PDB file of all heavy atoms in Angstrom:
ATOM      1  N   ASN A   1       0.812  -1.226   0.000  1.00  0.00           N
ATOM      2  CA  ASN A   1       0.000   0.000   0.000  1.00  0.00           C
ATOM      3  C   ASN A   1       0.838   1.265   0.000  1.00  0.00           C
ATOM      4  O   ASN A   1       0.447   2.270  -0.601  1.00  0.00           O
ATOM      5  CB  ASN A   1      -0.971   0.009   1.185  1.00  0.00           C
ATOM      6  CG  ASN A   1      -2.183  -0.862   0.903  1.00  0.00           C
ATOM      7  OD1 ASN A   1      -2.473  -1.173  -0.252  1.00  0.00           O
ATOM      8  ND2 ASN A   1      -2.880  -1.285   1.943  1.00  0.00           N
ATOM      9  N   GLU A   2       2.020   1.222   0.647  1.00  0.00           N
ATOM     10  CA  GLU A   2       2.825   2.447   0.673  1.00  0.00           C
ATOM     11  C   GLU A   2       3.323   2.806  -0.728  1.00  0.00           C
ATOM     12  O   GLU A   2       3.475   3.985  -1.054  1.00  0.00           O
ATOM     13  CB  GLU A   2       3.971   2.320   1.678  1.00  0.00           C
ATOM     14  CG  GLU A   2       4.978   1.235   1.416  1.00  0.00           C
ATOM     15  CD  GLU A   2       5.927   0.998   2.591  1.00  0.00           C
ATOM     16  OE1 GLU A   2       5.470   0.920   3.740  1.00  0.00           O
ATOM     17  OE2 GLU A   2       7.141   0.905   2.334  1.00  0.00           O
ATOM     18  N   VAL A   3       3.537   1.800  -1.566  1.00  0.00           N
ATOM     19  CA  VAL A   3       3.937   2.054  -2.963  1.00  0.00           C
ATOM     20  C   VAL A   3       2.726   2.482  -3.784  1.00  0.00           C
ATOM     21  O   VAL A   3       2.785   3.449  -4.568  1.00  0.00           O
ATOM     22  CB  VAL A   3       4.624   0.807  -3.565  1.00  0.00           C
ATOM     23  CG1 VAL A   3       4.882   1.003  -5.060  1.00  0.00           C
ATOM     24  CG2 VAL A   3       5.939   0.533  -2.839  1.00  0.00           C
ATOM     25  N   LEU A   4       1.599   1.781  -3.601  1.00  0.00           N
ATOM     26  CA  LEU A   4       0.388   2.139  -4.348  1.00  0.00           C
ATOM     27  C   LEU A   4      -0.099   3.544  -3.996  1.00  0.00           C
ATOM     28  O   LEU A   4      -0.614   4.261  -4.864  1.00  0.00           O
ATOM     29  CB  LEU A   4      -0.724   1.116  -4.084  1.00  0.00           C
ATOM     30  CG  LEU A   4      -0.477  -0.301  -4.609  1.00  0.00           C
ATOM     31  CD1 LEU A   4      -1.647  -1.201  -4.257  1.00  0.00           C
ATOM     32  CD2 LEU A   4      -0.217  -0.320  -6.111  1.00  0.00           C
ATOM     33  N   ASP A   5       0.084   3.961  -2.749  1.00  0.00           N
ATOM     34  CA  ASP A   5      -0.313   5.324  -2.356  1.00  0.00           C
ATOM     35  C   ASP A   5       0.488   6.370  -3.131  1.00  0.00           C
ATOM     36  O   ASP A   5      -0.059   7.390  -3.574  1.00  0.00           O
ATOM     37  CB  ASP A   5      -0.118   5.529  -0.845  1.00  0.00           C
ATOM     38  CG  ASP A   5      -1.171   4.799  -0.022  1.00  0.00           C
ATOM     39  OD1 ASP A   5      -2.176   4.359  -0.601  1.00  0.00           O
ATOM     40  OD2 ASP A   5      -0.971   4.664   1.203  1.00  0.00           O
ATOM     41  N   VAL A   6       1.783   6.124  -3.285  1.00  0.00           N
ATOM     42  CA  VAL A   6       2.634   7.046  -4.055  1.00  0.00           C
ATOM     43  C   VAL A   6       2.197   7.075  -5.519  1.00  0.00           C
ATOM     44  O   VAL A   6       2.104   8.142  -6.145  1.00  0.00           O
ATOM     45  CB  VAL A   6       4.121   6.630  -3.932  1.00  0.00           C
ATOM     46  CG1 VAL A   6       4.985   7.339  -4.971  1.00  0.00           C
ATOM     47  CG2 VAL A   6       4.636   6.941  -2.521  1.00  0.00           C
ATOM     48  N   MET A   7       1.878   5.905  -6.076  1.00  0.00           N
ATOM     49  CA  MET A   7       1.423   5.840  -7.468  1.00  0.00           C
ATOM     50  C   MET A   7       0.072   6.541  -7.636  1.00  0.00           C
ATOM     51  O   MET A   7      -0.173   7.208  -8.648  1.00  0.00           O
ATOM     52  CB  MET A   7       1.338   4.383  -7.915  1.00  0.00           C
ATOM     53  CG  MET A   7       2.704   3.722  -8.023  1.00  0.00           C
ATOM     54  SD  MET A   7       2.614   1.919  -8.210  1.00  0.00           S
ATOM     55  CE  MET A   7       1.777   1.785  -9.798  1.00  0.00           C
ATOM     56  N   THR A   8      -0.791   6.423  -6.624  1.00  0.00           N
ATOM     57  CA  THR A   8      -2.086   7.115  -6.667  1.00  0.00           C
ATOM     58  C   THR A   8      -1.877   8.627  -6.674  1.00  0.00           C
ATOM     59  O   THR A   8      -2.547   9.355  -7.424  1.00  0.00           O
ATOM     60  CB  THR A   8      -2.950   6.693  -5.459  1.00  0.00           C
ATOM     61  OG1 THR A   8      -3.142   5.274  -5.513  1.00  0.00           O
ATOM     62  CG2 THR A   8      -4.305   7.379  -5.483  1.00  0.00           C
ATOM     63  N   ASP A   9      -0.945   9.107  -5.863  1.00  0.00           N
ATOM     64  CA  ASP A   9      -0.618  10.543  -5.845  1.00  0.00           C
ATOM     65  C   ASP A   9      -0.157  11.003  -7.227  1.00  0.00           C
ATOM     66  O   ASP A   9      -0.550  12.077  -7.702  1.00  0.00           O
ATOM     67  CB  ASP A   9       0.490  10.837  -4.821  1.00  0.00           C
ATOM     68  CG  ASP A   9       0.025  10.692  -3.379  1.00  0.00           C
ATOM     69  OD1 ASP A   9      -1.198  10.613  -3.148  1.00  0.00           O
ATOM     70  OD2 ASP A   9       0.894  10.650  -2.489  1.00  0.00           O
ATOM     71  N   LEU A  10       0.700  10.212  -7.865  1.00  0.00           N
ATOM     72  CA  LEU A  10       1.190  10.558  -9.212  1.00  0.00           C
ATOM     73  C   LEU A  10       0.042  10.670 -10.201  1.00  0.00           C
ATOM     74  O   LEU A  10      -0.012  11.601 -11.015  1.00  0.00           O
ATOM     75  CB  LEU A  10       2.157   9.481  -9.719  1.00  0.00           C
ATOM     76  CG  LEU A  10       3.589   9.472  -9.227  1.00  0.00           C
ATOM     77  CD1 LEU A  10       4.339   8.327  -9.889  1.00  0.00           C
ATOM     78  CD2 LEU A  10       4.257  10.796  -9.535  1.00  0.00           C
ATOM     79  N   ALA A  11      -0.871   9.705 -10.132  1.00  0.00           N
ATOM     80  CA  ALA A  11      -2.025   9.720 -11.039  1.00  0.00           C
ATOM     81  C   ALA A  11      -2.870  10.969 -10.814  1.00  0.00           C
ATOM     82  O   ALA A  11      -3.311  11.625 -11.769  1.00  0.00           O
ATOM     83  CB  ALA A  11      -2.859   8.456 -10.841  1.00  0.00           C
ATOM     84  N   LYS A  12      -3.079  11.314  -9.555  1.00  0.00           N
ATOM     85  CA  LYS A  12      -3.865  12.518  -9.234  1.00  0.00           C
ATOM     86  C   LYS A  12      -3.189  13.781  -9.749  1.00  0.00           C
ATOM     87  O   LYS A  12      -3.854  14.757 -10.090  1.00  0.00           O
ATOM     88  CB  LYS A  12      -4.072  12.622  -7.721  1.00  0.00           C
ATOM     89  CG  LYS A  12      -5.089  11.633  -7.176  1.00  0.00           C
ATOM     90  CD  LYS A  12      -5.186  11.752  -5.662  1.00  0.00           C
ATOM     91  CE  LYS A  12      -6.206  10.777  -5.100  1.00  0.00           C
ATOM     92  NZ  LYS A  12      -6.123  10.686  -3.621  1.00  0.00           N
ATOM     93  N   ASP A  13      -1.856  13.750  -9.797  1.00  0.00           N
ATOM     94  CA  ASP A  13      -1.109  14.911 -10.303  1.00  0.00           C
ATOM     95  C   ASP A  13      -1.096  14.989 -11.823  1.00  0.00           C
ATOM     96  O   ASP A  13      -0.514  15.914 -12.398  1.00  0.00           O
ATOM     97  CB  ASP A  13       0.345  14.865  -9.793  1.00  0.00           C
ATOM     98  CG  ASP A  13       0.441  15.113  -8.293  1.00  0.00           C
ATOM     99  OD1 ASP A  13      -0.551  15.604  -7.716  1.00  0.00           O
ATOM    100  OD2 ASP A  13       1.492  14.805  -7.703  1.00  0.00           O
ATOM    101  N   GLY A  14      -1.715  13.986 -12.496  1.00  0.00           N
ATOM    102  CA  GLY A  14      -1.828  14.047 -13.957  1.00  0.00           C
ATOM    103  C   GLY A  14      -0.741  13.344 -14.732  1.00  0.00           C
ATOM    104  O   GLY A  14      -0.634  13.507 -15.957  1.00  0.00           O
ATOM    105  N   MET A  15       0.096  12.533 -14.049  1.00  0.00           N
ATOM    106  CA  MET A  15       1.146  11.805 -14.757  1.00  0.00           C
ATOM    107  C   MET A  15       0.530  10.751 -15.674  1.00  0.00           C
ATOM    108  O   MET A  15      -0.374  10.022 -15.270  1.00  0.00           O
ATOM    109  CB  MET A  15       2.080  11.124 -13.736  1.00  0.00           C
ATOM    110  CG  MET A  15       3.117  10.179 -14.329  1.00  0.00           C
ATOM    111  SD  MET A  15       4.291  10.966 -15.475  1.00  0.00           S
ATOM    112  CE  MET A  15       5.350  11.842 -14.319  1.00  0.00           C
ATOM    113  N   THR A  16       1.005  10.675 -16.910  1.00  0.00           N
ATOM    114  CA  THR A  16       0.605   9.593 -17.814  1.00  0.00           C
ATOM    115  C   THR A  16       1.253   8.313 -17.313  1.00  0.00           C
ATOM    116  O   THR A  16       2.461   8.284 -17.056  1.00  0.00           O
ATOM    117  CB  THR A  16       1.086   9.877 -19.251  1.00  0.00           C
ATOM    118  OG1 THR A  16       0.683  11.193 -19.625  1.00  0.00           O
ATOM    119  CG2 THR A  16       0.521   8.871 -20.230  1.00  0.00           C
ATOM    120  N   MET A  17       0.445   7.249 -17.150  1.00  0.00           N
ATOM    121  CA  MET A  17       0.961   6.022 -16.564  1.00  0.00           C
ATOM    122  C   MET A  17       0.404   4.796 -17.269  1.00  0.00           C
ATOM    123  O   MET A  17      -0.775   4.760 -17.601  1.00  0.00           O
ATOM    124  CB  MET A  17       0.596   5.946 -15.068  1.00  0.00           C
ATOM    125  CG  MET A  17       1.269   7.007 -14.222  1.00  0.00           C
ATOM    126  SD  MET A  17       0.517   7.268 -12.576  1.00  0.00           S
ATOM    127  CE  MET A  17       0.638   5.664 -11.828  1.00  0.00           C
ATOM    128  N   MET A  18       1.265   3.811 -17.487  1.00  0.00           N
ATOM    129  CA  MET A  18       0.821   2.479 -17.871  1.00  0.00           C
ATOM    130  C   MET A  18       1.300   1.539 -16.771  1.00  0.00           C
ATOM    131  O   MET A  18       2.502   1.500 -16.465  1.00  0.00           O
ATOM    132  CB  MET A  18       1.389   2.047 -19.225  1.00  0.00           C
ATOM    133  CG  MET A  18       0.959   0.629 -19.598  1.00  0.00           C
ATOM    134  SD  MET A  18       1.724   0.028 -21.129  1.00  0.00           S
ATOM    135  CE  MET A  18       0.715   0.842 -22.335  1.00  0.00           C
ATOM    136  N   VAL A  19       0.362   0.811 -16.184  1.00  0.00           N
ATOM    137  CA  VAL A  19       0.666   0.003 -15.005  1.00  0.00           C
ATOM    138  C   VAL A  19       0.255  -1.442 -15.249  1.00  0.00           C
ATOM    139  O   VAL A  19      -0.921  -1.729 -15.487  1.00  0.00           O
ATOM    140  CB  VAL A  19      -0.075   0.537 -13.751  1.00  0.00           C
ATOM    141  CG1 VAL A  19       0.357  -0.244 -12.510  1.00  0.00           C
ATOM    142  CG2 VAL A  19       0.158   2.037 -13.566  1.00  0.00           C
ATOM    143  N   VAL A  20       1.231  -2.348 -15.201  1.00  0.00           N
ATOM    144  CA  VAL A  20       0.945  -3.781 -15.200  1.00  0.00           C
ATOM    145  C   VAL A  20       0.867  -4.202 -13.740  1.00  0.00           C
ATOM    146  O   VAL A  20       1.835  -4.036 -12.984  1.00  0.00           O
ATOM    147  CB  VAL A  20       2.052  -4.573 -15.924  1.00  0.00           C
ATOM    148  CG1 VAL A  20       1.817  -6.084 -15.798  1.00  0.00           C
ATOM    149  CG2 VAL A  20       2.143  -4.168 -17.386  1.00  0.00           C
ATOM    150  N   THR A  21      -0.281  -4.712 -13.309  1.00  0.00           N
ATOM    151  CA  THR A  21      -0.445  -5.030 -11.887  1.00  0.00           C
ATOM    152  C   THR A  21      -1.545  -6.056 -11.683  1.00  0.00           C
ATOM    153  O   THR A  21      -2.410  -6.246 -12.541  1.00  0.00           O
ATOM    154  CB  THR A  21      -0.777  -3.749 -11.082  1.00  0.00           C
ATOM    155  OG1 THR A  21      -0.794  -4.071  -9.683  1.00  0.00           O
ATOM    156  CG2 THR A  21      -2.124  -3.166 -11.465  1.00  0.00           C
ATOM    157  N   HIS A  22      -1.476  -6.724 -10.519  1.00  0.00           N
ATOM    158  CA  HIS A  22      -2.566  -7.609 -10.088  1.00  0.00           C
ATOM    159  C   HIS A  22      -3.380  -6.954  -8.977  1.00  0.00           C
ATOM    160  O   HIS A  22      -4.258  -7.601  -8.399  1.00  0.00           O
ATOM    161  CB  HIS A  22      -1.998  -8.941  -9.600  1.00  0.00           C
ATOM    162  CG  HIS A  22      -1.353  -9.748 -10.695  1.00  0.00           C
ATOM    163  ND1 HIS A  22      -2.069 -10.271 -11.746  1.00  0.00           N
ATOM    164  CD2 HIS A  22      -0.068 -10.093 -10.905  1.00  0.00           C
ATOM    165  CE1 HIS A  22      -1.240 -10.919 -12.560  1.00  0.00           C
ATOM    166  NE2 HIS A  22      -0.027 -10.812 -12.069  1.00  0.00           N
ATOM    167  N   GLU A  23      -3.078  -5.694  -8.676  1.00  0.00           N
ATOM    168  CA  GLU A  23      -3.771  -4.999  -7.583  1.00  0.00           C
ATOM    169  C   GLU A  23      -5.076  -4.399  -8.111  1.00  0.00           C
ATOM    170  O   GLU A  23      -5.107  -3.284  -8.636  1.00  0.00           O
ATOM    171  CB  GLU A  23      -2.858  -3.909  -6.987  1.00  0.00           C
ATOM    172  CG  GLU A  23      -1.569  -4.436  -6.387  1.00  0.00           C
ATOM    173  CD  GLU A  23      -1.814  -5.337  -5.191  1.00  0.00           C
ATOM    174  OE1 GLU A  23      -2.844  -5.166  -4.500  1.00  0.00           O
ATOM    175  OE2 GLU A  23      -0.972  -6.222  -4.936  1.00  0.00           O
ATOM    176  N   MET A  24      -6.148  -5.146  -7.974  1.00  0.00           N
ATOM    177  CA  MET A  24      -7.418  -4.737  -8.584  1.00  0.00           C
ATOM    178  C   MET A  24      -8.070  -3.556  -7.861  1.00  0.00           C
ATOM    179  O   MET A  24      -8.756  -2.754  -8.487  1.00  0.00           O
ATOM    180  CB  MET A  24      -8.388  -5.917  -8.636  1.00  0.00           C
ATOM    181  CG  MET A  24      -7.924  -7.037  -9.535  1.00  0.00           C
ATOM    182  SD  MET A  24      -7.671  -6.513 -11.241  1.00  0.00           S
ATOM    183  CE  MET A  24      -5.995  -7.048 -11.515  1.00  0.00           C
ATOM    184  N   GLY A  25      -7.858  -3.444  -6.552  1.00  0.00           N
ATOM    185  CA  GLY A  25      -8.401  -2.290  -5.827  1.00  0.00           C
ATOM    186  C   GLY A  25      -7.784  -0.997  -6.345  1.00  0.00           C
ATOM    187  O   GLY A  25      -8.482  -0.008  -6.581  1.00  0.00           O
ATOM    188  N   PHE A  26      -6.473  -1.014  -6.554  1.00  0.00           N
ATOM    189  CA  PHE A  26      -5.763   0.131  -7.133  1.00  0.00           C
ATOM    190  C   PHE A  26      -6.306   0.435  -8.528  1.00  0.00           C
ATOM    191  O   PHE A  26      -6.563   1.590  -8.877  1.00  0.00           O
ATOM    192  CB  PHE A  26      -4.262  -0.173  -7.194  1.00  0.00           C
ATOM    193  CG  PHE A  26      -3.458   0.798  -8.002  1.00  0.00           C
ATOM    194  CD1 PHE A  26      -3.044   2.008  -7.457  1.00  0.00           C
ATOM    195  CD2 PHE A  26      -3.110   0.503  -9.315  1.00  0.00           C
ATOM    196  CE1 PHE A  26      -2.304   2.911  -8.216  1.00  0.00           C
ATOM    197  CE2 PHE A  26      -2.373   1.398 -10.074  1.00  0.00           C
ATOM    198  CZ  PHE A  26      -1.969   2.604  -9.520  1.00  0.00           C
ATOM    199  N   ALA A  27      -6.495  -0.615  -9.334  1.00  0.00           N
ATOM    200  CA  ALA A  27      -6.992  -0.426 -10.703  1.00  0.00           C
ATOM    201  C   ALA A  27      -8.369   0.232 -10.706  1.00  0.00           C
ATOM    202  O   ALA A  27      -8.615   1.182 -11.456  1.00  0.00           O
ATOM    203  CB  ALA A  27      -7.052  -1.771 -11.427  1.00  0.00           C
ATOM    204  N   ARG A  28      -9.266  -0.236  -9.869  1.00  0.00           N
ATOM    205  CA  ARG A  28     -10.616   0.355  -9.784  1.00  0.00           C
ATOM    206  C   ARG A  28     -10.547   1.827  -9.411  1.00  0.00           C
ATOM    207  O   ARG A  28     -11.310   2.648  -9.907  1.00  0.00           O
ATOM    208  CB  ARG A  28     -11.432  -0.356  -8.704  1.00  0.00           C
ATOM    209  CG  ARG A  28     -11.955  -1.729  -9.052  1.00  0.00           C
ATOM    210  CD  ARG A  28     -12.720  -2.237  -7.834  1.00  0.00           C
ATOM    211  NE  ARG A  28     -13.009  -3.646  -7.875  1.00  0.00           N
ATOM    212  CZ  ARG A  28     -14.138  -4.159  -8.356  1.00  0.00           C
ATOM    213  NH1 ARG A  28     -15.064  -3.381  -8.863  1.00  0.00           N
ATOM    214  NH2 ARG A  28     -14.341  -5.467  -8.340  1.00  0.00           N
ATOM    215  N   ARG A  29      -9.623   2.132  -8.511  1.00  0.00           N
ATOM    216  CA  ARG A  29      -9.552   3.475  -7.928  1.00  0.00           C
ATOM    217  C   ARG A  29      -8.889   4.483  -8.868  1.00  0.00           C
ATOM    218  O   ARG A  29      -9.268   5.651  -8.907  1.00  0.00           O
ATOM    219  CB  ARG A  29      -8.774   3.369  -6.613  1.00  0.00           C
ATOM    220  CG  ARG A  29      -8.923   4.480  -5.635  1.00  0.00           C
ATOM    221  CD  ARG A  29      -8.331   4.140  -4.272  1.00  0.00           C
ATOM    222  NE  ARG A  29      -6.880   3.937  -4.294  1.00  0.00           N
ATOM    223  CZ  ARG A  29      -6.286   2.781  -4.048  1.00  0.00           C
ATOM    224  NH1 ARG A  29      -7.006   1.698  -3.803  1.00  0.00           N
ATOM    225  NH2 ARG A  29      -4.976   2.691  -4.071  1.00  0.00           N
ATOM    226  N   VAL A  30      -7.894   4.030  -9.609  1.00  0.00           N
ATOM    227  CA  VAL A  30      -6.987   4.973 -10.274  1.00  0.00           C
ATOM    228  C   VAL A  30      -7.074   4.954 -11.805  1.00  0.00           C
ATOM    229  O   VAL A  30      -6.860   5.976 -12.454  1.00  0.00           O
ATOM    230  CB  VAL A  30      -5.534   4.703  -9.806  1.00  0.00           C
ATOM    231  CG1 VAL A  30      -4.533   5.550 -10.572  1.00  0.00           C
ATOM    232  CG2 VAL A  30      -5.397   4.965  -8.311  1.00  0.00           C
ATOM    233  N   ALA A  31      -7.404   3.793 -12.378  1.00  0.00           N
ATOM    234  CA  ALA A  31      -7.343   3.675 -13.847  1.00  0.00           C
ATOM    235  C   ALA A  31      -8.420   4.495 -14.529  1.00  0.00           C
ATOM    236  O   ALA A  31      -9.543   4.600 -14.049  1.00  0.00           O
ATOM    237  CB  ALA A  31      -7.474   2.208 -14.261  1.00  0.00           C
ATOM    238  N   HIS A  32      -8.061   5.069 -15.671  1.00  0.00           N
ATOM    239  CA  HIS A  32      -9.063   5.581 -16.600  1.00  0.00           C
ATOM    240  C   HIS A  32      -9.569   4.436 -17.480  1.00  0.00           C
ATOM    241  O   HIS A  32     -10.716   4.428 -17.907  1.00  0.00           O
ATOM    242  CB  HIS A  32      -8.465   6.654 -17.517  1.00  0.00           C
ATOM    243  CG  HIS A  32      -7.980   7.871 -16.776  1.00  0.00           C
ATOM    244  ND1 HIS A  32      -6.664   8.245 -16.747  1.00  0.00           N
ATOM    245  CD2 HIS A  32      -8.649   8.775 -16.017  1.00  0.00           C
ATOM    246  CE1 HIS A  32      -6.534   9.350 -16.014  1.00  0.00           C
ATOM    247  NE2 HIS A  32      -7.719   9.682 -15.565  1.00  0.00           N
ATOM    248  N   ARG A  33      -8.654   3.490 -17.747  1.00  0.00           N
ATOM    249  CA  ARG A  33      -9.002   2.416 -18.680  1.00  0.00           C
ATOM    250  C   ARG A  33      -8.281   1.137 -18.280  1.00  0.00           C
ATOM    251  O   ARG A  33      -7.108   1.166 -17.910  1.00  0.00           O
ATOM    252  CB  ARG A  33      -8.584   2.830 -20.102  1.00  0.00           C
ATOM    253  CG  ARG A  33      -8.947   1.849 -21.190  1.00  0.00           C
ATOM    254  CD  ARG A  33      -8.953   2.522 -22.577  1.00  0.00           C
ATOM    255  NE  ARG A  33      -7.862   3.447 -22.739  1.00  0.00           N
ATOM    256  CZ  ARG A  33      -6.840   3.265 -23.608  1.00  0.00           C
ATOM    257  NH1 ARG A  33      -6.789   2.201 -24.362  1.00  0.00           N
ATOM    258  NH2 ARG A  33      -5.896   4.172 -23.717  1.00  0.00           N
ATOM    259  N   MET A  34      -9.019   0.030 -18.360  1.00  0.00           N
ATOM    260  CA  MET A  34      -8.446  -1.296 -18.160  1.00  0.00           C
ATOM    261  C   MET A  34      -8.157  -1.901 -19.532  1.00  0.00           C
ATOM    262  O   MET A  34      -8.967  -1.782 -20.450  1.00  0.00           O
ATOM    263  CB  MET A  34      -9.431  -2.207 -17.415  1.00  0.00           C
ATOM    264  CG  MET A  34      -9.852  -1.713 -16.044  1.00  0.00           C
ATOM    265  SD  MET A  34      -8.497  -1.617 -14.858  1.00  0.00           S
ATOM    266  CE  MET A  34      -7.968  -3.341 -14.817  1.00  0.00           C
ATOM    267  N   VAL A  35      -6.999  -2.543 -19.643  1.00  0.00           N
ATOM    268  CA  VAL A  35      -6.653  -3.282 -20.858  1.00  0.00           C
ATOM    269  C   VAL A  35      -6.405  -4.728 -20.435  1.00  0.00           C
ATOM    270  O   VAL A  35      -5.528  -4.990 -19.600  1.00  0.00           O
ATOM    271  CB  VAL A  35      -5.401  -2.693 -21.540  1.00  0.00           C
ATOM    272  CG1 VAL A  35      -4.913  -3.606 -22.663  1.00  0.00           C
ATOM    273  CG2 VAL A  35      -5.691  -1.297 -22.079  1.00  0.00           C
TER     274      VAL A  35
END
């Protein structure tokens, strides 16, 4: 969670991100799009 929190902050700041992950809670919260 301490890493995902930092990534969530980056997303909120508008950073373009592509994330390969199994963390579905993070994906629901942060993604604009699932691939």
